[in-house]
N, C-alpha and C. Protein backbone atom coordinates (compact mmCIF):
# COMPACT_ATOMS: atom_id res chain seq x y z
N MET A 1 104.67 69.90 74.01
CA MET A 1 105.70 70.79 74.61
C MET A 1 104.98 71.40 75.68
N VAL A 2 105.59 71.25 77.09
CA VAL A 2 105.32 71.75 78.34
C VAL A 2 106.15 72.89 78.69
N LYS A 3 105.54 73.87 78.96
CA LYS A 3 106.13 75.01 79.42
C LYS A 3 105.75 75.67 80.92
N GLN A 4 106.90 75.92 81.69
CA GLN A 4 106.52 76.24 83.08
C GLN A 4 107.11 77.64 83.18
N THR A 5 106.52 78.69 83.45
CA THR A 5 107.18 80.03 83.41
C THR A 5 107.57 80.26 84.89
N LEU A 6 108.81 81.12 84.67
CA LEU A 6 109.67 81.36 85.91
C LEU A 6 109.54 83.00 86.07
N ILE A 7 108.77 83.73 85.17
CA ILE A 7 108.44 85.17 85.32
C ILE A 7 107.73 85.21 86.61
N GLY A 8 108.13 86.49 87.28
CA GLY A 8 107.28 86.81 88.58
C GLY A 8 108.26 87.13 89.45
N ASN A 9 108.02 86.51 90.80
CA ASN A 9 108.75 87.10 91.87
C ASN A 9 110.09 86.71 91.94
N TRP A 10 111.35 87.27 92.08
CA TRP A 10 112.73 86.62 92.62
C TRP A 10 113.03 87.19 93.77
N GLN A 11 114.40 87.15 93.83
CA GLN A 11 114.99 87.94 94.91
C GLN A 11 116.53 88.33 94.40
N PHE A 12 116.95 89.30 94.62
CA PHE A 12 118.33 89.73 94.32
C PHE A 12 119.22 90.41 95.34
N ARG A 13 120.52 90.48 95.22
CA ARG A 13 121.32 90.93 95.97
C ARG A 13 122.69 91.42 95.46
N GLN A 14 123.31 92.21 96.14
CA GLN A 14 124.53 92.76 95.42
C GLN A 14 125.45 91.52 95.76
N ALA A 15 126.56 90.88 94.96
CA ALA A 15 127.23 89.80 95.09
C ALA A 15 128.07 89.94 96.55
N GLY A 16 127.86 89.01 97.13
CA GLY A 16 128.55 88.93 98.81
C GLY A 16 127.67 89.62 99.98
N ALA A 17 126.48 90.17 99.67
CA ALA A 17 125.74 90.60 100.57
C ALA A 17 124.96 89.72 101.50
N ARG A 18 124.39 90.04 102.72
CA ARG A 18 123.76 88.98 103.15
C ARG A 18 122.48 89.12 103.10
N THR A 19 121.75 90.06 102.73
CA THR A 19 120.46 90.13 102.75
C THR A 19 119.80 90.10 101.23
N TRP A 20 119.03 89.38 101.01
CA TRP A 20 118.12 89.13 99.83
C TRP A 20 117.19 90.26 99.66
N LEU A 21 116.84 90.76 98.61
CA LEU A 21 115.70 91.89 98.35
C LEU A 21 114.86 91.31 97.32
N PRO A 22 113.58 91.83 97.40
CA PRO A 22 112.49 91.40 96.61
C PRO A 22 112.93 91.87 94.90
N ALA A 23 112.78 91.07 94.06
CA ALA A 23 112.97 91.48 92.69
C ALA A 23 111.67 91.15 91.75
N SER A 24 111.86 91.71 90.38
CA SER A 24 110.44 91.49 89.74
C SER A 24 111.13 91.27 88.42
N VAL A 25 110.83 89.84 87.80
CA VAL A 25 111.35 89.53 86.71
C VAL A 25 110.02 89.34 85.67
N PRO A 26 109.98 90.03 84.43
CA PRO A 26 111.19 90.96 84.01
C PRO A 26 111.54 92.04 84.75
N GLY A 27 112.58 92.64 84.68
CA GLY A 27 113.13 93.92 85.57
C GLY A 27 114.52 94.14 85.28
N THR A 28 115.16 94.84 85.72
CA THR A 28 116.51 95.36 86.07
C THR A 28 117.07 95.55 87.40
N VAL A 29 118.39 95.77 87.74
CA VAL A 29 118.99 95.88 88.69
C VAL A 29 118.44 97.33 89.33
N HIS A 30 118.68 98.10 88.36
CA HIS A 30 118.26 99.56 88.77
C HIS A 30 116.57 99.76 89.23
N THR A 31 115.68 99.22 88.36
CA THR A 31 114.24 99.16 88.93
C THR A 31 114.18 98.49 90.36
N ASP A 32 114.90 97.18 90.18
CA ASP A 32 114.62 96.76 91.54
C ASP A 32 115.41 97.44 92.76
N LEU A 33 116.40 98.17 92.59
CA LEU A 33 117.04 98.80 93.80
C LEU A 33 116.11 100.10 94.10
N MET A 34 115.40 100.75 92.86
CA MET A 34 114.48 101.96 93.22
C MET A 34 113.32 101.49 93.84
N ALA A 35 112.76 100.17 93.57
CA ALA A 35 111.60 99.59 94.19
C ALA A 35 111.83 99.13 95.91
N ALA A 36 113.08 98.95 96.16
CA ALA A 36 113.84 98.56 97.52
C ALA A 36 113.89 100.08 98.07
N GLY A 37 113.83 101.13 97.48
CA GLY A 37 114.48 102.46 98.13
C GLY A 37 115.78 102.69 98.39
N ARG A 38 116.56 101.79 97.42
CA ARG A 38 118.02 101.71 97.93
C ARG A 38 118.81 102.93 96.99
N ILE A 39 118.13 103.24 95.90
CA ILE A 39 118.66 104.33 94.98
C ILE A 39 117.38 105.24 94.22
N PRO A 40 117.77 106.72 93.88
CA PRO A 40 116.88 107.28 93.31
C PRO A 40 116.69 107.29 91.59
N ASP A 41 115.80 107.57 91.26
CA ASP A 41 115.42 107.47 89.76
C ASP A 41 116.67 108.18 88.97
N PRO A 42 117.45 107.05 88.28
CA PRO A 42 118.79 107.92 87.62
C PRO A 42 118.18 108.60 86.48
N PHE A 43 117.17 108.67 86.10
CA PHE A 43 116.66 109.49 84.91
C PHE A 43 116.02 110.97 85.32
N VAL A 44 116.13 111.03 86.66
CA VAL A 44 115.86 112.68 87.09
C VAL A 44 116.98 113.37 87.63
N GLY A 45 117.01 114.57 87.14
CA GLY A 45 118.06 115.51 87.54
C GLY A 45 119.50 114.93 87.32
N GLU A 46 120.23 115.02 88.33
CA GLU A 46 121.64 114.42 88.35
C GLU A 46 121.83 113.14 88.95
N ASN A 47 120.71 112.71 89.38
CA ASN A 47 120.70 111.27 90.15
C ASN A 47 121.51 110.34 89.46
N GLU A 48 121.76 110.26 88.22
CA GLU A 48 122.79 109.48 87.31
C GLU A 48 124.14 109.18 88.16
N LEU A 49 124.60 110.51 88.45
CA LEU A 49 125.99 110.39 89.40
C LEU A 49 125.86 109.56 90.64
N GLN A 50 124.77 109.61 91.36
CA GLN A 50 124.70 108.69 92.53
C GLN A 50 124.50 107.39 92.18
N VAL A 51 124.30 106.78 91.30
CA VAL A 51 124.09 105.41 91.17
C VAL A 51 124.94 104.76 90.13
N LYS A 52 126.10 105.56 89.76
CA LYS A 52 127.28 105.02 89.06
C LYS A 52 127.84 103.68 89.49
N TRP A 53 127.67 103.79 90.86
CA TRP A 53 128.37 102.47 91.57
C TRP A 53 127.91 101.08 91.21
N VAL A 54 126.48 101.33 90.52
CA VAL A 54 125.93 100.03 90.49
C VAL A 54 126.38 99.30 89.46
N ALA A 55 127.07 100.07 88.13
CA ALA A 55 127.45 99.24 87.17
C ALA A 55 128.88 98.85 87.53
N ASP A 56 129.43 98.99 88.77
CA ASP A 56 130.83 98.60 89.28
C ASP A 56 130.52 97.18 89.83
N GLN A 57 129.36 96.97 90.30
CA GLN A 57 129.03 95.58 91.06
C GLN A 57 128.81 94.40 90.46
N ASN A 58 128.78 93.58 91.08
CA ASN A 58 128.11 92.11 90.43
C ASN A 58 126.86 92.15 91.26
N TRP A 59 125.73 91.34 90.62
CA TRP A 59 124.62 91.09 91.19
C TRP A 59 124.18 89.76 91.01
N GLU A 60 123.45 89.14 92.04
CA GLU A 60 122.89 88.01 92.10
C GLU A 60 121.43 87.80 92.03
N TYR A 61 120.89 86.98 91.03
CA TYR A 61 119.12 86.69 91.06
C TYR A 61 119.13 85.46 91.36
N ARG A 62 117.81 85.23 92.02
CA ARG A 62 117.60 83.76 92.44
C ARG A 62 116.19 83.66 92.24
N ARG A 63 115.91 82.24 92.08
CA ARG A 63 114.33 82.17 92.35
C ARG A 63 114.12 80.51 92.59
N GLU A 64 113.38 80.23 93.39
CA GLU A 64 112.90 79.12 93.84
C GLU A 64 111.65 78.54 93.47
N PHE A 65 111.41 77.32 92.81
CA PHE A 65 110.63 76.88 91.98
C PHE A 65 110.18 75.18 92.24
N ASP A 66 109.08 74.78 91.87
CA ASP A 66 108.62 73.54 91.99
C ASP A 66 108.39 72.88 90.62
N ALA A 67 109.11 71.82 90.09
CA ALA A 67 109.02 71.25 88.90
C ALA A 67 107.81 70.79 88.71
N GLY A 68 106.70 71.06 87.63
CA GLY A 68 105.61 70.35 87.30
C GLY A 68 105.65 69.03 86.99
N ALA A 69 104.78 68.06 87.19
CA ALA A 69 104.60 66.72 86.98
C ALA A 69 104.68 66.56 85.44
N GLY A 70 104.06 67.50 84.86
CA GLY A 70 103.82 67.37 83.26
C GLY A 70 105.14 67.65 82.82
N LEU A 71 105.98 68.53 83.30
CA LEU A 71 107.30 68.85 83.06
C LEU A 71 108.12 67.72 82.96
N LEU A 72 108.46 67.02 84.28
CA LEU A 72 109.07 65.91 84.53
C LEU A 72 108.74 64.71 83.74
N ALA A 73 107.50 64.64 83.32
CA ALA A 73 107.26 63.66 82.39
C ALA A 73 107.91 63.57 81.11
N GLU A 74 108.39 64.70 80.60
CA GLU A 74 108.82 64.63 79.15
C GLU A 74 110.20 63.98 79.31
N ASP A 75 110.85 63.57 78.09
CA ASP A 75 112.14 63.02 77.99
C ASP A 75 113.20 63.99 78.41
N ARG A 76 113.02 65.23 77.80
CA ARG A 76 114.02 66.14 77.93
C ARG A 76 113.67 67.56 78.40
N VAL A 77 114.22 68.38 79.20
CA VAL A 77 113.84 69.56 79.90
C VAL A 77 114.77 70.60 79.58
N TYR A 78 114.67 71.67 78.89
CA TYR A 78 115.44 72.63 78.86
C TYR A 78 115.37 73.81 79.37
N LEU A 79 116.30 74.60 80.17
CA LEU A 79 116.20 75.84 80.55
C LEU A 79 116.73 76.78 79.44
N VAL A 80 116.00 77.55 79.11
CA VAL A 80 116.17 78.55 77.99
C VAL A 80 116.34 80.04 78.29
N CYS A 81 117.41 80.61 77.95
CA CYS A 81 117.68 81.94 78.43
C CYS A 81 117.64 83.02 77.31
N GLU A 82 116.69 83.95 77.17
CA GLU A 82 116.85 84.96 75.87
C GLU A 82 117.38 86.30 76.43
N GLY A 83 118.35 86.89 76.00
CA GLY A 83 118.55 88.22 76.37
C GLY A 83 119.24 88.21 77.77
N LEU A 84 120.33 87.47 78.21
CA LEU A 84 121.01 87.48 79.49
C LEU A 84 121.80 88.59 79.30
N ASP A 85 121.95 89.72 79.94
CA ASP A 85 122.65 90.97 79.64
C ASP A 85 123.66 91.20 80.71
N THR A 86 124.78 90.97 80.60
CA THR A 86 125.49 90.17 79.49
C THR A 86 126.47 89.28 79.84
N LEU A 87 127.17 89.45 81.05
CA LEU A 87 128.12 88.69 81.75
C LEU A 87 127.27 87.84 82.63
N ALA A 88 127.19 86.66 82.60
CA ALA A 88 126.48 85.99 83.62
C ALA A 88 126.63 84.28 83.69
N GLU A 89 126.63 83.93 84.94
CA GLU A 89 126.80 82.41 85.29
C GLU A 89 125.43 82.11 85.65
N VAL A 90 125.04 80.87 85.28
CA VAL A 90 123.66 80.27 85.51
C VAL A 90 123.87 79.01 86.02
N SER A 91 123.26 78.84 87.23
CA SER A 91 123.51 77.66 88.05
C SER A 91 121.92 77.29 88.36
N LEU A 92 121.98 75.77 88.42
CA LEU A 92 120.49 75.23 89.06
C LEU A 92 120.73 74.25 89.98
N ASN A 93 120.46 74.42 91.43
CA ASN A 93 120.43 73.45 92.53
C ASN A 93 121.86 73.42 92.76
N GLY A 94 122.68 74.51 92.55
CA GLY A 94 124.20 74.44 92.96
C GLY A 94 125.19 73.93 91.84
N GLN A 95 124.44 73.52 90.64
CA GLN A 95 125.36 73.39 89.75
C GLN A 95 125.36 74.13 88.51
N LEU A 96 126.52 74.42 88.12
CA LEU A 96 126.95 75.54 87.05
C LEU A 96 126.49 74.79 85.86
N LEU A 97 125.49 75.72 84.94
CA LEU A 97 125.05 75.28 83.54
C LEU A 97 125.84 76.01 82.71
N GLY A 98 126.17 77.13 82.81
CA GLY A 98 127.26 77.77 81.62
C GLY A 98 127.49 79.26 82.43
N ARG A 99 128.24 80.04 81.41
CA ARG A 99 128.52 81.16 81.51
C ARG A 99 128.12 81.92 80.07
N THR A 100 127.63 83.04 80.14
CA THR A 100 127.54 83.79 79.12
C THR A 100 128.26 85.11 78.90
N ASP A 101 128.16 85.64 77.51
CA ASP A 101 129.11 86.91 77.27
C ASP A 101 128.43 87.50 75.94
N ASN A 102 127.10 87.50 75.64
CA ASN A 102 126.68 87.91 74.43
C ASN A 102 125.29 88.10 74.74
N MET A 103 124.57 89.24 74.65
CA MET A 103 123.28 89.31 75.07
C MET A 103 122.31 89.23 73.84
N PHE A 104 122.93 89.10 72.84
CA PHE A 104 122.23 88.87 71.40
C PHE A 104 121.78 87.58 70.83
N ARG A 105 122.00 86.43 71.86
CA ARG A 105 122.03 85.30 71.66
C ARG A 105 121.07 84.55 72.49
N GLN A 106 120.56 83.35 72.25
CA GLN A 106 119.72 82.44 73.17
C GLN A 106 120.71 81.31 73.79
N HIS A 107 120.53 81.22 74.90
CA HIS A 107 121.20 80.17 75.71
C HIS A 107 120.22 78.94 76.28
N ARG A 108 120.53 77.85 76.09
CA ARG A 108 119.80 76.89 76.59
C ARG A 108 120.84 75.71 76.99
N TRP A 109 120.14 75.06 78.25
CA TRP A 109 120.88 73.71 78.88
C TRP A 109 119.77 72.70 78.96
N GLU A 110 120.36 71.59 79.16
CA GLU A 110 119.29 70.34 79.39
C GLU A 110 119.51 70.13 80.81
N VAL A 111 118.28 70.12 81.46
CA VAL A 111 118.48 70.17 83.03
C VAL A 111 117.79 69.05 83.71
N LYS A 112 117.19 68.22 82.91
CA LYS A 112 116.00 67.24 83.59
C LYS A 112 116.82 66.64 84.80
N LYS A 113 118.29 66.09 84.66
CA LYS A 113 118.72 65.23 85.64
C LYS A 113 118.92 66.03 86.92
N LEU A 114 119.13 67.56 86.75
CA LEU A 114 119.10 68.32 87.79
C LEU A 114 117.90 68.78 88.83
N LEU A 115 116.86 68.34 88.06
CA LEU A 115 115.58 69.11 88.66
C LEU A 115 115.49 67.83 89.96
N GLN A 116 114.65 68.71 90.82
CA GLN A 116 114.57 67.99 92.14
C GLN A 116 112.98 67.64 92.23
N ALA A 117 112.64 66.59 92.43
CA ALA A 117 110.95 66.59 92.83
C ALA A 117 110.80 65.12 93.47
N PRO A 118 110.18 65.31 94.64
CA PRO A 118 109.66 66.72 95.29
C PRO A 118 110.58 67.70 95.78
N GLY A 119 110.22 68.75 95.85
CA GLY A 119 111.13 69.63 96.55
C GLY A 119 111.57 70.78 95.79
N LYS A 120 112.11 72.03 96.46
CA LYS A 120 112.07 73.20 95.82
C LYS A 120 113.57 72.92 94.80
N ASN A 121 113.50 73.62 93.85
CA ASN A 121 114.76 73.75 92.75
C ASN A 121 115.00 75.43 92.87
N THR A 122 116.44 75.48 92.88
CA THR A 122 116.85 77.04 93.04
C THR A 122 117.76 77.47 91.86
N LEU A 123 117.20 78.42 90.99
CA LEU A 123 117.90 78.96 89.82
C LEU A 123 118.52 80.01 90.33
N LEU A 124 119.96 80.26 89.83
CA LEU A 124 120.62 81.23 90.51
C LEU A 124 121.33 81.85 89.20
N VAL A 125 121.39 83.27 89.01
CA VAL A 125 122.03 84.11 87.90
C VAL A 125 122.82 85.27 88.70
N VAL A 126 123.92 85.06 88.26
CA VAL A 126 125.06 85.77 88.89
C VAL A 126 125.56 86.82 87.65
N PHE A 127 125.34 88.14 87.72
CA PHE A 127 125.52 89.06 86.56
C PHE A 127 126.96 89.78 87.04
N SER A 128 128.09 89.77 86.14
CA SER A 128 129.37 90.43 86.40
C SER A 128 129.29 91.83 85.75
N SER A 129 130.12 92.59 86.72
CA SER A 129 130.20 93.94 85.99
C SER A 129 130.75 94.33 84.55
N PRO A 130 130.02 94.71 83.63
CA PRO A 130 130.61 94.94 82.32
C PRO A 130 131.64 95.88 82.19
N LEU A 131 131.71 96.90 83.34
CA LEU A 131 132.82 97.87 83.26
C LEU A 131 134.24 97.18 83.49
N ALA A 132 134.21 96.22 84.60
CA ALA A 132 135.54 95.67 85.03
C ALA A 132 136.22 94.72 83.83
N TYR A 133 134.90 94.28 83.10
CA TYR A 133 135.42 93.31 82.16
C TYR A 133 136.14 94.07 81.03
N ILE A 134 135.60 95.22 80.45
CA ILE A 134 135.89 95.59 79.26
C ILE A 134 137.36 96.28 79.69
N LYS A 135 137.42 96.88 80.97
CA LYS A 135 138.80 97.66 81.44
C LYS A 135 139.81 96.62 81.47
N ALA A 136 139.58 95.24 81.85
CA ALA A 136 140.83 94.49 81.90
C ALA A 136 140.77 94.07 80.50
N ARG A 137 140.13 93.66 79.59
CA ARG A 137 140.30 93.24 78.31
C ARG A 137 141.05 94.44 77.44
N GLN A 138 140.76 95.96 77.64
CA GLN A 138 141.22 96.67 76.81
C GLN A 138 142.68 96.90 77.04
N ALA A 139 143.01 96.64 78.65
CA ALA A 139 144.41 96.60 79.08
C ALA A 139 145.33 95.85 78.29
N ALA A 140 144.66 94.52 78.12
CA ALA A 140 145.54 93.45 77.51
C ALA A 140 145.59 93.62 76.11
N ARG A 141 144.48 94.14 75.34
CA ARG A 141 144.50 94.10 73.88
C ARG A 141 143.62 95.50 73.49
N PRO A 142 144.34 96.67 73.70
CA PRO A 142 143.71 97.99 73.17
C PRO A 142 142.87 97.80 71.70
N LEU A 143 141.61 98.02 71.75
CA LEU A 143 141.02 98.17 70.59
C LEU A 143 140.60 99.91 70.20
N PRO A 144 140.57 100.31 68.95
CA PRO A 144 140.41 101.49 68.65
C PRO A 144 138.77 101.71 68.82
N THR A 145 138.45 102.84 69.29
CA THR A 145 136.95 103.35 69.72
C THR A 145 136.70 104.79 69.92
N ILE A 146 135.56 105.17 69.39
CA ILE A 146 135.38 106.89 69.65
C ILE A 146 134.87 106.99 70.80
N MET A 147 134.42 106.07 71.66
CA MET A 147 133.86 106.45 72.85
C MET A 147 133.94 105.14 73.77
N ASN A 148 133.89 105.27 75.10
CA ASN A 148 133.64 104.15 75.88
C ASN A 148 134.85 103.11 75.80
N GLY A 149 136.19 103.63 75.73
CA GLY A 149 137.09 102.66 75.52
C GLY A 149 137.06 101.07 75.96
N GLY A 150 136.97 100.24 75.00
CA GLY A 150 137.04 98.78 75.48
C GLY A 150 135.53 98.00 75.28
N MET A 151 134.55 98.89 75.02
CA MET A 151 133.41 98.32 74.83
C MET A 151 133.28 97.44 73.58
N ALA A 152 134.11 97.73 72.43
CA ALA A 152 134.20 96.82 71.48
C ALA A 152 134.53 95.36 71.79
N HIS A 153 134.93 94.79 73.03
CA HIS A 153 135.38 93.68 73.44
C HIS A 153 134.00 92.86 73.97
N LEU A 154 132.96 93.68 74.11
CA LEU A 154 131.83 92.78 74.62
C LEU A 154 130.52 92.96 73.78
N ARG A 155 129.89 91.89 73.50
CA ARG A 155 128.69 91.80 72.71
C ARG A 155 127.45 92.36 73.74
N LYS A 156 127.49 93.80 73.55
CA LYS A 156 126.24 94.11 74.58
C LYS A 156 125.88 95.62 73.82
N VAL A 157 124.64 95.91 73.80
CA VAL A 157 124.02 97.07 73.43
C VAL A 157 125.11 98.23 73.70
N GLN A 158 125.53 98.79 72.65
CA GLN A 158 126.71 99.93 73.01
C GLN A 158 126.08 101.09 73.65
N SER A 159 124.96 101.48 73.38
CA SER A 159 124.34 102.83 74.06
C SER A 159 124.25 102.58 75.46
N HIS A 160 124.33 101.19 76.01
CA HIS A 160 124.05 101.05 77.45
C HIS A 160 125.29 101.84 78.20
N PHE A 161 126.38 102.04 77.61
CA PHE A 161 127.47 102.64 77.90
C PHE A 161 127.42 104.17 78.23
N GLY A 162 126.36 104.80 77.50
CA GLY A 162 126.20 106.10 77.45
C GLY A 162 126.03 106.77 76.02
N LEU A 163 125.56 107.80 75.95
CA LEU A 163 125.35 108.37 74.51
C LEU A 163 126.12 109.61 74.53
N ASP A 164 126.51 110.31 75.49
CA ASP A 164 127.33 111.59 75.62
C ASP A 164 128.65 111.15 75.13
N LEU A 165 129.12 111.56 73.73
CA LEU A 165 130.27 110.89 73.45
C LEU A 165 131.56 111.55 74.08
N GLU A 166 131.56 113.01 74.85
CA GLU A 166 132.68 113.70 75.25
C GLU A 166 132.65 112.95 76.62
N GLN A 167 131.44 112.92 77.41
CA GLN A 167 131.53 112.49 78.73
C GLN A 167 131.84 110.70 78.74
N ALA A 168 131.31 110.01 77.51
CA ALA A 168 131.81 108.64 77.57
C ALA A 168 133.41 108.51 77.33
N ARG A 169 133.83 109.36 76.51
CA ARG A 169 135.34 109.20 76.59
C ARG A 169 135.94 109.21 77.85
N GLN A 170 135.64 110.19 78.74
CA GLN A 170 136.27 110.51 80.04
C GLN A 170 135.78 109.27 80.89
N ASN A 171 134.66 108.95 80.90
CA ASN A 171 134.13 108.19 82.03
C ASN A 171 132.93 107.12 81.60
N PRO A 172 133.48 106.13 80.95
CA PRO A 172 132.47 105.23 80.57
C PRO A 172 131.41 104.57 81.51
N ARG A 173 130.31 104.55 81.36
CA ARG A 173 129.40 103.99 82.43
C ARG A 173 128.46 103.12 81.76
N VAL A 174 127.40 102.17 82.64
CA VAL A 174 126.26 101.67 82.04
C VAL A 174 125.25 102.04 82.60
N ARG A 175 124.38 102.40 82.15
CA ARG A 175 123.09 102.91 82.38
C ARG A 175 122.44 101.61 83.10
N SER A 176 122.34 100.57 82.83
CA SER A 176 121.43 99.70 83.43
C SER A 176 121.92 98.02 83.33
N LEU A 177 121.79 97.41 84.36
CA LEU A 177 122.44 96.22 84.67
C LEU A 177 121.77 95.13 85.08
N ALA A 178 122.05 94.02 84.94
CA ALA A 178 121.32 92.71 85.15
C ALA A 178 120.01 92.75 84.74
N ASP A 179 119.68 93.06 83.58
CA ASP A 179 118.18 93.16 83.00
C ASP A 179 117.54 91.85 82.94
N VAL A 180 116.59 91.82 83.38
CA VAL A 180 115.54 90.49 83.32
C VAL A 180 114.82 91.01 82.51
N LYS A 181 114.74 90.66 81.24
CA LYS A 181 113.88 91.18 80.25
C LYS A 181 112.74 91.00 79.67
N PRO A 182 111.78 91.69 79.77
CA PRO A 182 110.49 91.32 79.14
C PRO A 182 110.39 92.17 77.97
N ALA A 183 109.61 91.63 77.02
CA ALA A 183 109.46 92.08 75.66
C ALA A 183 109.01 93.97 75.89
N GLY A 184 109.72 94.93 75.28
CA GLY A 184 109.58 96.17 75.31
C GLY A 184 110.35 96.75 76.75
N THR A 185 111.14 96.21 77.18
CA THR A 185 111.76 96.96 78.50
C THR A 185 112.99 97.70 77.77
N ALA A 186 113.06 98.75 78.34
CA ALA A 186 114.36 99.72 77.83
C ALA A 186 115.59 99.71 78.34
N LEU A 187 115.42 99.27 79.78
CA LEU A 187 116.64 99.06 80.61
C LEU A 187 117.66 97.92 79.93
N SER A 188 118.81 97.90 80.46
CA SER A 188 119.82 96.82 80.01
C SER A 188 120.15 95.91 81.09
N ASP A 189 120.90 94.78 80.65
CA ASP A 189 121.35 93.66 81.88
C ASP A 189 119.99 93.03 82.37
N ARG A 190 119.41 92.47 81.26
CA ARG A 190 118.47 91.72 82.04
C ARG A 190 118.34 90.16 81.87
N ILE A 191 117.77 89.65 82.75
CA ILE A 191 117.65 88.29 82.57
C ILE A 191 116.60 87.74 81.58
N GLN A 192 116.19 88.20 80.52
CA GLN A 192 115.03 88.12 79.91
C GLN A 192 114.58 86.63 79.76
N ARG A 193 113.54 86.60 80.26
CA ARG A 193 112.69 85.03 80.04
C ARG A 193 113.48 83.91 80.55
N LEU A 194 113.37 83.51 81.42
CA LEU A 194 114.15 82.26 81.84
C LEU A 194 112.84 81.41 81.66
N LEU A 195 113.29 80.45 80.88
CA LEU A 195 112.33 79.24 80.39
C LEU A 195 112.88 78.28 80.80
N ILE A 196 112.44 77.03 81.58
CA ILE A 196 113.19 75.74 81.69
C ILE A 196 112.38 75.00 80.70
N GLY A 197 112.74 75.60 79.90
CA GLY A 197 112.91 75.96 78.57
C GLY A 197 113.20 77.24 78.85
N LEU A 198 112.53 78.06 79.90
CA LEU A 198 113.09 79.54 80.41
C LEU A 198 112.99 80.42 79.22
N LYS A 199 112.12 81.28 79.17
CA LYS A 199 111.81 82.28 78.38
C LYS A 199 111.76 83.70 79.24
N PRO A 200 111.89 84.32 80.01
CA PRO A 200 111.49 85.33 80.94
C PRO A 200 111.54 86.49 79.94
N ALA A 201 110.47 87.21 80.19
CA ALA A 201 110.74 88.60 79.80
C ALA A 201 111.64 89.29 80.46
N ASN A 202 112.57 89.48 80.41
CA ASN A 202 114.00 90.11 81.06
C ASN A 202 114.35 88.98 81.92
N LEU A 203 113.98 88.83 82.96
CA LEU A 203 114.78 87.56 83.72
C LEU A 203 113.60 86.68 84.02
N ALA A 204 112.76 86.54 83.36
CA ALA A 204 111.48 85.89 83.78
C ALA A 204 111.88 84.23 83.15
N GLY A 205 111.16 83.54 83.56
CA GLY A 205 111.69 82.07 83.05
C GLY A 205 110.52 81.36 83.08
N GLN A 206 110.64 80.11 82.25
CA GLN A 206 109.78 79.23 82.14
C GLN A 206 110.62 77.93 82.14
N LEU A 207 109.53 77.09 82.51
CA LEU A 207 110.58 75.68 82.33
C LEU A 207 110.03 74.97 80.87
N PHE A 208 110.73 74.67 80.31
CA PHE A 208 110.48 74.35 78.93
C PHE A 208 110.71 73.01 78.55
N SER A 209 109.98 72.13 77.98
CA SER A 209 110.40 70.80 77.79
C SER A 209 109.90 70.56 76.54
N ARG A 210 110.56 69.56 75.73
CA ARG A 210 110.06 69.07 74.55
C ARG A 210 110.83 67.85 74.23
N LEU A 211 110.24 66.79 73.31
CA LEU A 211 110.98 65.71 72.78
C LEU A 211 111.69 66.18 71.44
N MET A 212 113.13 65.54 71.57
CA MET A 212 113.77 65.96 70.26
C MET A 212 113.93 64.67 69.50
């Protein structure tokens, strides 16, 4: 089995923006925005009120890489994503691999035919706002809940919507998005380990190949 890691330097941007910013994978949208000087630390004082907009947006992460010769020599090559949090579209070289809606399961796709060699390969992960999703689903099919109306529609860690019950009833929120997750990361919405076989810690990845 051959593995090629995709952990490391990525780029990210708010969906539709022109400029790509540096991102670290594993990591999260909030930590990447902080590193870029775009938001304050949400855990200091009342800064959380200033960054609530982050959870309402969609975010894009991308990584360019060369496929190794050892990887390409295998019969099958898989891109494996663990912990994609939560609503994501994964594309390789412009081809949609799949959509995810469950952060608790592993996703993998056979990608050998899509890999370019020689040349750069581009992996793109687009995270959609979970708040917009649960709002629409709850309007169509209301589910009973004690807080964060609609969160039961989504397979996502419920505490990511906030732990203050009274405030959550009035104003559902997500503390962290587009989490690219490494083992031990506390924030949410990670890309955790992209392997090609991809297993990023957060949005880290590896190209992973094995004979089946």
